[in-house]
C-alpha atoms as a PDB file:
ATOM      1  CA  MET A   1      27.178 107.388-130.993  1.00  0.00           C
ATOM      2  CA  LYS A   2      25.967 105.749-127.945  1.00  0.00           C
ATOM      3  CA  ILE A   3      25.424 107.163-124.394  1.00  0.00           C
ATOM      4  CA  HIS A   4      25.561 105.247-121.782  1.00  0.00           C
ATOM      5  CA  ILE A   5      23.929 106.252-118.980  1.00  0.00           C
ATOM      6  CA  PRO A   6      24.777 103.616-115.756  1.00  0.00           C
ATOM      7  CA  VAL A   7      21.407 104.962-113.831  1.00  0.00           C
ATOM      8  CA  LEU A   8      19.310 103.964-116.449  1.00  0.00           C
ATOM      9  CA  GLU A   9      20.351 101.255-117.677  1.00  0.00           C
ATOM     10  CA  ASN A  10      20.165  99.451-113.709  1.00  0.00           C
ATOM     11  CA  MET A  11      16.805 101.081-113.898  1.00  0.00           C
ATOM     12  CA  LEU A  12      15.949  99.315-117.516  1.00  0.00           C
ATOM     13  CA  ALA A  13      17.883  95.873-115.651  1.00  0.00           C
ATOM     14  CA  MET A  14      15.242  95.951-112.715  1.00  0.00           C
ATOM     15  CA  ALA A  15      12.422  96.038-114.627  1.00  0.00           C
ATOM     16  CA  ARG A  16      13.244  93.695-117.049  1.00  0.00           C
ATOM     17  CA  GLN A  17      13.886  91.589-114.102  1.00  0.00           C
ATOM     18  CA  HIS A  18      10.645  92.566-112.420  1.00  0.00           C
ATOM     19  CA  VAL A  19       8.895  90.977-115.577  1.00  0.00           C
ATOM     20  CA  ALA A  20      10.595  87.952-115.067  1.00  0.00           C
ATOM     21  CA  LEU A  21       9.900  87.523-111.860  1.00  0.00           C
ATOM     22  CA  GLU A  22       6.287  88.082-112.193  1.00  0.00           C
ATOM     23  CA  GLN A  23       6.368  85.687-115.251  1.00  0.00           C
ATOM     24  CA  GLU A  24       7.820  82.656-113.199  1.00  0.00           C
ATOM     25  CA  ALA A  25       5.472  83.603-110.684  1.00  0.00           C
ATOM     26  CA  ALA A  26       2.423  83.125-113.021  1.00  0.00           C
ATOM     27  CA  ARG A  27       3.589  80.086-114.257  1.00  0.00           C
ATOM     28  CA  LYS A  28       4.440  78.453-110.854  1.00  0.00           C
ATOM     29  CA  TYR A  29       0.625  79.048-110.428  1.00  0.00           C
ATOM     30  CA  LYS A  30      -0.698  77.675-113.349  1.00  0.00           C
ATOM     31  CA  ARG A  31       1.477  74.418-112.740  1.00  0.00           C
ATOM     32  CA  ASP A  32       0.358  74.452-109.099  1.00  0.00           C
ATOM     33  CA  GLN A  33      -3.468  74.586-109.973  1.00  0.00           C
ATOM     34  CA  ARG A  34      -2.710  72.025-112.296  1.00  0.00           C
ATOM     35  CA  VAL A  35      -1.608  69.650-109.891  1.00  0.00           C
ATOM     36  CA  ASP A  36      -4.300  70.471-107.530  1.00  0.00           C
ATOM     37  CA  GLU A  37      -6.884  69.668-110.232  1.00  0.00           C
ATOM     38  CA  GLN A  38      -4.727  66.076-110.772  1.00  0.00           C
ATOM     39  CA  ALA A  39      -4.559  65.723-106.724  1.00  0.00           C
ATOM     40  CA  GLY A  40      -8.338  66.024-106.954  1.00  0.00           C
ATOM     41  CA  ALA A  41      -9.079  63.028-108.698  1.00  0.00           C
ATOM     42  CA  LYS A  42     -10.797  59.768-107.252  1.00  0.00           C
ATOM     43  CA  ILE A  43      -9.894  56.393-107.989  1.00  0.00           C
ATOM     44  CA  GLU A  44     -13.326  54.309-107.528  1.00  0.00           C
ATOM     45  CA  MET A  45     -13.632  50.581-108.433  1.00  0.00           C
ATOM     46  CA  PRO A  46     -16.155  49.554-111.391  1.00  0.00           C
ATOM     47  CA  ALA A  47     -19.339  48.856-109.703  1.00  0.00           C
ATOM     48  CA  GLU A  48     -19.368  45.419-111.279  1.00  0.00           C
ATOM     49  CA  ASP A  49     -16.634  44.948-109.682  1.00  0.00           C
ATOM     50  CA  THR A  50     -17.439  45.376-105.862  1.00  0.00           C
ATOM     51  CA  ASN A  51     -17.065  41.971-104.358  1.00  0.00           C
ATOM     52  CA  ARG A  52     -13.705  41.231-106.070  1.00  0.00           C
ATOM     53  CA  THR A  53     -10.629  41.602-103.743  1.00  0.00           C
ATOM     54  CA  ILE A  54      -7.701  43.223-104.692  1.00  0.00           C
ATOM     55  CA  GLN A  55      -4.553  40.797-104.776  1.00  0.00           C
ATOM     56  CA  PHE A  56      -0.960  42.470-105.550  1.00  0.00           C
ATOM     57  CA  ASP A  57       2.116  40.247-106.549  1.00  0.00           C
ATOM     58  CA  GLU A  58       5.335  39.544-104.475  1.00  0.00           C
ATOM     59  CA  PRO A  59       7.756  42.216-104.974  1.00  0.00           C
ATOM     60  CA  LYS A  60      10.638  41.490-107.185  1.00  0.00           C
ATOM     61  CA  LYS A  61      13.770  41.223-105.277  1.00  0.00           C
ATOM     62  CA  ASN A  62      16.749  42.787-107.042  1.00  0.00           C
ATOM     63  CA  PRO A  63      19.381  40.359-108.654  1.00  0.00           C
ATOM     64  CA  PRO A  64      22.913  40.296-106.188  1.00  0.00           C
END
Protein backbone atom coordinates (compact mmCIF):
# COMPACT_ATOMS: atom_id res chain seq x y z
CA MET A 1 0.00 0.00 0.00
CA LYS A 2 1.41 3.35 -1.07
CA ILE A 3 0.92 6.46 0.98
CA HIS A 4 0.86 9.72 -0.94
CA ILE A 5 1.89 12.85 0.90
CA PRO A 6 1.47 15.77 -1.50
CA VAL A 7 3.84 18.08 0.38
CA LEU A 8 6.69 15.56 0.21
CA GLU A 9 5.96 14.80 -3.44
CA ASN A 10 6.10 18.54 -4.22
CA MET A 11 9.39 18.91 -2.34
CA LEU A 12 10.87 15.99 -4.26
CA ALA A 13 9.68 17.44 -7.57
CA MET A 14 11.25 20.80 -6.68
CA ALA A 15 14.56 19.13 -5.78
CA ARG A 16 14.58 17.22 -9.08
CA GLN A 17 13.81 20.40 -11.03
CA HIS A 18 16.59 22.23 -9.21
CA VAL A 19 19.08 19.51 -10.19
CA ALA A 20 17.86 19.66 -13.78
CA LEU A 21 18.33 23.45 -13.84
CA GLU A 22 21.87 23.12 -12.47
CA GLN A 23 22.72 20.49 -15.09
CA GLU A 24 21.33 22.70 -17.87
CA ALA A 25 23.36 25.66 -16.60
CA ALA A 26 26.50 23.49 -16.56
CA ARG A 27 25.85 22.33 -20.16
CA LYS A 28 25.29 25.93 -21.27
CA TYR A 29 28.50 27.06 -19.55
CA LYS A 30 30.54 24.30 -21.24
CA ARG A 31 28.99 25.15 -24.63
CA ASP A 32 29.76 28.85 -24.17
CA GLN A 33 33.35 28.04 -23.20
CA ARG A 34 33.81 26.03 -26.42
CA VAL A 35 32.33 28.85 -28.51
CA ASP A 36 34.64 31.38 -26.83
CA GLU A 37 37.67 29.19 -27.56
CA GLN A 38 36.71 28.91 -31.22
CA ALA A 39 36.05 32.64 -31.48
CA GLY A 40 39.61 33.34 -30.35
CA ALA A 41 41.09 31.47 -33.33
CA LYS A 42 42.90 33.62 -35.88
CA ILE A 43 43.14 33.07 -39.60
CA GLU A 44 46.55 34.02 -40.91
CA MET A 45 48.04 33.91 -44.37
CA PRO A 46 50.95 31.51 -44.76
CA ALA A 47 54.33 33.24 -44.58
CA GLU A 48 55.19 32.53 -48.24
CA ASP A 49 51.95 34.07 -49.58
CA THR A 50 52.15 37.51 -47.99
CA ASN A 51 52.44 39.37 -51.33
CA ARG A 52 49.61 37.55 -53.10
CA THR A 53 46.27 39.33 -53.39
CA ILE A 54 43.07 37.51 -52.60
CA GLN A 55 40.35 37.47 -55.26
CA PHE A 56 36.77 36.44 -54.79
CA ASP A 57 34.50 35.11 -57.53
CA GLU A 58 31.41 36.98 -58.57
CA PRO A 59 28.37 36.02 -56.47
CA LYS A 60 26.16 33.46 -58.12
CA LYS A 61 22.70 34.60 -59.13
CA ASN A 62 19.64 32.57 -58.30
CA PRO A 63 17.65 31.33 -61.31
CA PRO A 64 14.31 33.13 -61.83
